[in-house]
């Protein structure tokens, strides 16, 4: 399960910070980047907490 979380977060980051979404939110790009980056860092933190557990996050 640990590997699945990291692969999912990698593809989520690739999608959220790719040009289609940046183009969609070009008028409020600053807000989009700050909010998305903040949420993405929170998800990375939660994933790291889950992967540090002894049972593998299950």
N, C-alpha and C. Protein backbone atom coordinates (compact mmCIF):
# COMPACT_ATOMS: atom_id res chain seq x y z
N UNK A 1 0.83 -1.20 0.00
CA UNK A 1 0.00 0.00 0.00
C UNK A 1 0.87 1.25 0.00
N UNK A 2 2.04 1.19 0.60
CA UNK A 2 2.89 2.37 0.66
C UNK A 2 3.26 2.84 -0.74
N UNK A 3 3.62 1.92 -1.58
CA UNK A 3 4.05 2.28 -2.93
C UNK A 3 2.88 2.86 -3.73
N UNK A 4 1.70 2.33 -3.52
CA UNK A 4 0.52 2.83 -4.23
C UNK A 4 0.24 4.29 -3.91
N UNK A 5 0.41 4.66 -2.66
CA UNK A 5 0.16 6.05 -2.24
C UNK A 5 1.14 6.99 -2.95
N UNK A 6 2.41 6.61 -2.98
CA UNK A 6 3.42 7.48 -3.59
C UNK A 6 3.22 7.60 -5.10
N UNK A 7 2.84 6.51 -5.74
CA UNK A 7 2.58 6.56 -7.19
C UNK A 7 1.37 7.44 -7.47
N UNK A 8 0.31 7.29 -6.65
CA UNK A 8 -0.87 8.12 -6.81
C UNK A 8 -0.54 9.60 -6.64
N UNK A 9 0.24 9.94 -5.61
CA UNK A 9 0.60 11.33 -5.37
C UNK A 9 1.47 11.90 -6.49
N UNK A 10 2.33 11.07 -7.04
CA UNK A 10 3.15 11.53 -8.17
C UNK A 10 2.28 11.90 -9.36
N UNK A 11 1.35 11.03 -9.72
CA UNK A 11 0.48 11.32 -10.85
C UNK A 11 -0.48 12.46 -10.56
N UNK A 12 -0.95 12.56 -9.32
CA UNK A 12 -1.80 13.69 -8.95
C UNK A 12 -1.06 15.01 -9.10
N UNK A 13 0.19 15.05 -8.63
CA UNK A 13 0.99 16.26 -8.78
C UNK A 13 1.27 16.59 -10.23
N UNK A 14 1.52 15.56 -11.03
CA UNK A 14 1.76 15.78 -12.46
C UNK A 14 0.53 16.36 -13.14
N UNK A 15 -0.62 15.90 -12.73
CA UNK A 15 -1.86 16.41 -13.34
C UNK A 15 -2.17 17.82 -12.85
N UNK A 16 -2.09 18.04 -11.54
CA UNK A 16 -2.46 19.35 -10.98
C UNK A 16 -1.53 20.47 -11.40
N UNK A 17 -0.24 20.16 -11.59
CA UNK A 17 0.72 21.19 -11.96
C UNK A 17 1.09 21.13 -13.43
N UNK A 18 0.30 20.43 -14.23
CA UNK A 18 0.51 20.37 -15.67
C UNK A 18 -0.15 21.54 -16.36
N UNK A 19 0.17 21.72 -17.64
CA UNK A 19 -0.32 22.90 -18.35
C UNK A 19 -1.83 22.97 -18.51
N UNK A 20 -2.60 21.86 -18.61
CA UNK A 20 -4.04 22.06 -18.78
C UNK A 20 -4.68 22.77 -17.59
N UNK A 21 -4.32 22.37 -16.38
CA UNK A 21 -4.91 23.02 -15.21
C UNK A 21 -4.37 24.43 -15.03
N UNK A 22 -3.11 24.62 -15.33
CA UNK A 22 -2.55 25.97 -15.23
C UNK A 22 -3.21 26.90 -16.24
N UNK A 23 -3.56 26.38 -17.39
CA UNK A 23 -4.24 27.17 -18.41
C UNK A 23 -5.68 27.48 -18.00
N UNK A 24 -6.34 26.51 -17.37
CA UNK A 24 -7.72 26.72 -16.92
C UNK A 24 -7.78 27.82 -15.86
N UNK A 25 -6.83 27.82 -14.95
CA UNK A 25 -6.83 28.78 -13.84
C UNK A 25 -5.88 29.94 -14.08
N UNK A 26 -5.67 30.32 -15.32
CA UNK A 26 -4.68 31.36 -15.60
C UNK A 26 -5.06 32.73 -15.03
N UNK A 27 -6.34 33.00 -14.84
CA UNK A 27 -6.74 34.29 -14.29
C UNK A 27 -6.45 34.40 -12.80
N UNK A 28 -6.56 33.29 -12.10
CA UNK A 28 -6.27 33.29 -10.66
C UNK A 28 -5.15 32.29 -10.37
N UNK A 29 -4.10 32.36 -11.17
CA UNK A 29 -3.02 31.39 -11.09
C UNK A 29 -2.29 31.43 -9.75
N UNK A 30 -2.11 32.60 -9.19
CA UNK A 30 -1.41 32.71 -7.91
C UNK A 30 -2.18 31.97 -6.82
N UNK A 31 -3.48 32.20 -6.73
CA UNK A 31 -4.30 31.52 -5.73
C UNK A 31 -4.31 30.02 -5.95
N UNK A 32 -4.45 29.61 -7.20
CA UNK A 32 -4.47 28.19 -7.53
C UNK A 32 -3.17 27.52 -7.11
N UNK A 33 -2.03 28.13 -7.42
CA UNK A 33 -0.75 27.52 -7.09
C UNK A 33 -0.54 27.42 -5.59
N UNK A 34 -0.86 28.48 -4.85
CA UNK A 34 -0.66 28.45 -3.40
C UNK A 34 -1.58 27.44 -2.73
N UNK A 35 -2.84 27.42 -3.10
CA UNK A 35 -3.79 26.48 -2.49
C UNK A 35 -3.44 25.04 -2.86
N UNK A 36 -3.16 24.79 -4.13
CA UNK A 36 -2.82 23.45 -4.57
C UNK A 36 -1.53 22.97 -3.94
N UNK A 37 -0.54 23.83 -3.86
CA UNK A 37 0.74 23.46 -3.27
C UNK A 37 0.56 23.15 -1.78
N UNK A 38 -0.24 23.95 -1.08
CA UNK A 38 -0.49 23.72 0.34
C UNK A 38 -1.19 22.37 0.56
N UNK A 39 -2.21 22.08 -0.21
CA UNK A 39 -2.94 20.81 -0.09
C UNK A 39 -2.04 19.64 -0.46
N UNK A 40 -1.22 19.80 -1.49
CA UNK A 40 -0.34 18.74 -1.93
C UNK A 40 0.72 18.43 -0.87
N UNK A 41 1.26 19.44 -0.22
CA UNK A 41 2.22 19.22 0.86
C UNK A 41 1.54 18.50 2.02
N UNK A 42 0.30 18.86 2.32
CA UNK A 42 -0.44 18.16 3.37
C UNK A 42 -0.65 16.69 3.04
N UNK A 43 -0.96 16.39 1.79
CA UNK A 43 -1.12 14.99 1.38
C UNK A 43 0.19 14.23 1.46
N UNK A 44 1.28 14.88 1.09
CA UNK A 44 2.60 14.24 1.21
C UNK A 44 2.93 13.97 2.68
N UNK A 45 2.59 14.88 3.54
CA UNK A 45 2.83 14.69 4.97
C UNK A 45 2.03 13.51 5.50
N UNK A 46 0.75 13.43 5.13
CA UNK A 46 -0.07 12.31 5.58
C UNK A 46 0.44 10.98 5.03
N UNK A 47 0.88 10.98 3.79
CA UNK A 47 1.42 9.75 3.21
C UNK A 47 2.69 9.33 3.91
N UNK A 48 3.52 10.28 4.29
CA UNK A 48 4.75 9.93 5.00
C UNK A 48 4.44 9.40 6.40
N UNK A 49 3.41 9.93 7.05
CA UNK A 49 3.03 9.40 8.35
C UNK A 49 2.51 7.97 8.23
N UNK A 50 1.72 7.72 7.21
CA UNK A 50 1.19 6.37 7.01
C UNK A 50 2.29 5.37 6.67
N UNK A 51 3.27 5.80 5.91
CA UNK A 51 4.32 4.88 5.52
C UNK A 51 5.32 4.64 6.64
N UNK A 52 5.36 5.50 7.65
CA UNK A 52 6.28 5.32 8.78
C UNK A 52 5.73 4.36 9.82
N UNK A 53 4.47 4.06 9.74
CA UNK A 53 3.87 3.14 10.71
C UNK A 53 4.43 1.74 10.51
N UNK A 54 4.47 0.98 11.57
CA UNK A 54 5.05 -0.35 11.52
C UNK A 54 4.25 -1.34 10.69
N UNK A 55 2.94 -1.14 10.60
CA UNK A 55 2.12 -2.11 9.86
C UNK A 55 1.98 -1.75 8.39
N UNK A 56 2.73 -0.78 7.90
CA UNK A 56 2.68 -0.42 6.49
C UNK A 56 1.52 0.47 6.13
N UNK A 57 0.85 1.04 7.11
CA UNK A 57 -0.25 1.93 6.82
C UNK A 57 -1.56 1.23 6.58
N UNK A 58 -1.66 -0.04 6.88
CA UNK A 58 -2.91 -0.79 6.68
C UNK A 58 -3.84 -0.61 7.84
